[in-house]
């Protein structure tokens, strides 16, 4: 269960990074892009941390 939740968080983080790219290039909104990049990175890192803790 922990592994699948960690992978879900990692995938969600990557999706947020992709949407940040959209906001930056298409919408030309740098503030929203940076916010989404920050949130996506934090979500991905939490998932990565949970995944690495489960491997022990």
N, C-alpha and C. Protein backbone atom coordinates (compact mmCIF):
# COMPACT_ATOMS: atom_id res chain seq x y z
N UNK A 1 0.82 -1.19 0.00
CA UNK A 1 0.00 0.00 0.00
C UNK A 1 0.87 1.26 0.00
N UNK A 2 1.92 1.26 0.82
CA UNK A 2 2.80 2.43 0.88
C UNK A 2 3.49 2.66 -0.47
N UNK A 3 3.90 1.56 -1.12
CA UNK A 3 4.60 1.68 -2.39
C UNK A 3 3.69 2.30 -3.45
N UNK A 4 2.43 1.84 -3.54
CA UNK A 4 1.54 2.39 -4.55
C UNK A 4 1.19 3.85 -4.27
N UNK A 5 1.06 4.21 -2.99
CA UNK A 5 0.79 5.61 -2.65
C UNK A 5 2.00 6.48 -3.01
N UNK A 6 3.20 5.96 -2.77
CA UNK A 6 4.42 6.70 -3.12
C UNK A 6 4.51 6.89 -4.62
N UNK A 7 4.21 5.85 -5.38
CA UNK A 7 4.25 5.97 -6.85
C UNK A 7 3.17 6.93 -7.35
N UNK A 8 2.01 6.93 -6.71
CA UNK A 8 0.95 7.87 -7.07
C UNK A 8 1.41 9.31 -6.84
N UNK A 9 2.07 9.55 -5.70
CA UNK A 9 2.57 10.89 -5.43
C UNK A 9 3.65 11.29 -6.43
N UNK A 10 4.53 10.37 -6.77
CA UNK A 10 5.56 10.68 -7.76
C UNK A 10 4.94 11.02 -9.11
N UNK A 11 3.96 10.25 -9.53
CA UNK A 11 3.29 10.51 -10.80
C UNK A 11 2.53 11.83 -10.77
N UNK A 12 1.90 12.14 -9.65
CA UNK A 12 1.19 13.41 -9.51
C UNK A 12 2.17 14.58 -9.58
N UNK A 13 3.32 14.42 -8.96
CA UNK A 13 4.33 15.47 -9.02
C UNK A 13 4.82 15.71 -10.43
N UNK A 14 5.02 14.64 -11.19
CA UNK A 14 5.45 14.79 -12.58
C UNK A 14 4.35 15.45 -13.41
N UNK A 15 3.09 15.11 -13.14
CA UNK A 15 1.98 15.75 -13.86
C UNK A 15 1.91 17.24 -13.55
N UNK A 16 2.16 17.60 -12.29
CA UNK A 16 2.18 19.02 -11.93
C UNK A 16 3.32 19.76 -12.63
N UNK A 17 4.45 19.10 -12.78
CA UNK A 17 5.56 19.72 -13.49
C UNK A 17 5.20 19.95 -14.96
N UNK A 18 4.48 19.00 -15.54
CA UNK A 18 4.03 19.17 -16.93
C UNK A 18 3.04 20.31 -17.07
N UNK A 19 2.14 20.44 -16.13
CA UNK A 19 1.18 21.55 -16.20
C UNK A 19 1.88 22.89 -15.94
N UNK A 20 2.95 22.88 -15.15
CA UNK A 20 3.72 24.11 -14.95
C UNK A 20 4.36 24.54 -16.27
N UNK A 21 4.84 23.59 -17.03
CA UNK A 21 5.41 23.91 -18.34
C UNK A 21 4.36 24.54 -19.24
N UNK A 22 3.13 24.01 -19.21
CA UNK A 22 2.03 24.58 -19.99
C UNK A 22 1.76 26.03 -19.57
N UNK A 23 1.65 26.26 -18.27
CA UNK A 23 1.36 27.61 -17.78
C UNK A 23 2.47 28.59 -18.15
N UNK A 24 3.69 28.12 -18.15
CA UNK A 24 4.79 29.02 -18.47
C UNK A 24 4.90 29.35 -19.94
N UNK A 25 4.70 28.35 -20.79
CA UNK A 25 4.90 28.57 -22.23
C UNK A 25 3.63 29.10 -22.90
N UNK A 26 2.52 28.43 -22.70
CA UNK A 26 1.29 28.79 -23.42
C UNK A 26 0.59 29.99 -22.78
N UNK A 27 0.42 29.96 -21.47
CA UNK A 27 -0.29 31.03 -20.79
C UNK A 27 0.61 32.23 -20.47
N UNK A 28 1.92 32.05 -20.57
CA UNK A 28 2.90 33.11 -20.29
C UNK A 28 2.68 33.71 -18.90
N UNK A 29 2.51 32.82 -17.92
CA UNK A 29 2.27 33.24 -16.54
C UNK A 29 3.39 32.67 -15.68
N UNK A 30 4.42 33.46 -15.47
CA UNK A 30 5.61 32.98 -14.77
C UNK A 30 5.34 32.70 -13.30
N UNK A 31 4.49 33.51 -12.66
CA UNK A 31 4.21 33.30 -11.24
C UNK A 31 3.54 31.95 -11.01
N UNK A 32 2.55 31.62 -11.81
CA UNK A 32 1.86 30.34 -11.68
C UNK A 32 2.80 29.19 -12.01
N UNK A 33 3.67 29.39 -12.99
CA UNK A 33 4.62 28.34 -13.35
C UNK A 33 5.55 28.02 -12.19
N UNK A 34 6.07 29.03 -11.53
CA UNK A 34 6.98 28.80 -10.41
C UNK A 34 6.24 28.14 -9.24
N UNK A 35 5.01 28.55 -8.99
CA UNK A 35 4.23 27.94 -7.91
C UNK A 35 3.98 26.47 -8.19
N UNK A 36 3.58 26.14 -9.42
CA UNK A 36 3.33 24.75 -9.77
C UNK A 36 4.61 23.92 -9.76
N UNK A 37 5.72 24.52 -10.18
CA UNK A 37 7.00 23.81 -10.12
C UNK A 37 7.37 23.48 -8.67
N UNK A 38 7.13 24.43 -7.77
CA UNK A 38 7.44 24.20 -6.36
C UNK A 38 6.56 23.11 -5.77
N UNK A 39 5.27 23.19 -6.01
CA UNK A 39 4.34 22.19 -5.48
C UNK A 39 4.63 20.82 -6.08
N UNK A 40 4.84 20.77 -7.38
CA UNK A 40 5.14 19.50 -8.03
C UNK A 40 6.41 18.87 -7.52
N UNK A 41 7.43 19.68 -7.28
CA UNK A 41 8.68 19.16 -6.76
C UNK A 41 8.51 18.62 -5.35
N UNK A 42 7.77 19.33 -4.52
CA UNK A 42 7.54 18.87 -3.14
C UNK A 42 6.75 17.56 -3.14
N UNK A 43 5.70 17.49 -3.96
CA UNK A 43 4.89 16.27 -4.02
C UNK A 43 5.73 15.10 -4.51
N UNK A 44 6.54 15.32 -5.55
CA UNK A 44 7.39 14.25 -6.06
C UNK A 44 8.39 13.80 -5.00
N UNK A 45 9.00 14.74 -4.30
CA UNK A 45 10.01 14.39 -3.28
C UNK A 45 9.40 13.64 -2.11
N UNK A 46 8.17 13.98 -1.73
CA UNK A 46 7.50 13.23 -0.66
C UNK A 46 7.26 11.79 -1.12
N UNK A 47 6.80 11.62 -2.35
CA UNK A 47 6.61 10.27 -2.89
C UNK A 47 7.91 9.50 -2.98
N UNK A 48 8.96 10.16 -3.41
CA UNK A 48 10.27 9.53 -3.51
C UNK A 48 10.79 9.13 -2.13
N UNK A 49 10.58 9.99 -1.14
CA UNK A 49 11.00 9.69 0.23
C UNK A 49 10.24 8.47 0.77
N UNK A 50 8.92 8.44 0.55
CA UNK A 50 8.14 7.29 1.01
C UNK A 50 8.57 6.01 0.31
N UNK A 51 8.88 6.12 -0.97
CA UNK A 51 9.32 4.95 -1.72
C UNK A 51 10.67 4.44 -1.22
N UNK A 52 11.57 5.35 -0.94
CA UNK A 52 12.90 4.92 -0.47
C UNK A 52 12.83 4.37 0.95
N UNK A 53 11.93 4.87 1.77
CA UNK A 53 11.78 4.35 3.13
C UNK A 53 11.15 2.96 3.12
N UNK A 54 10.30 2.70 2.15
CA UNK A 54 9.66 1.39 2.05
C UNK A 54 10.59 0.31 1.55
N UNK A 55 11.68 0.70 0.91
CA UNK A 55 12.60 -0.29 0.35
C UNK A 55 13.52 -0.90 1.41
N UNK A 56 13.57 -0.29 2.57
CA UNK A 56 14.46 -0.79 3.64
C UNK A 56 13.94 -2.03 4.29
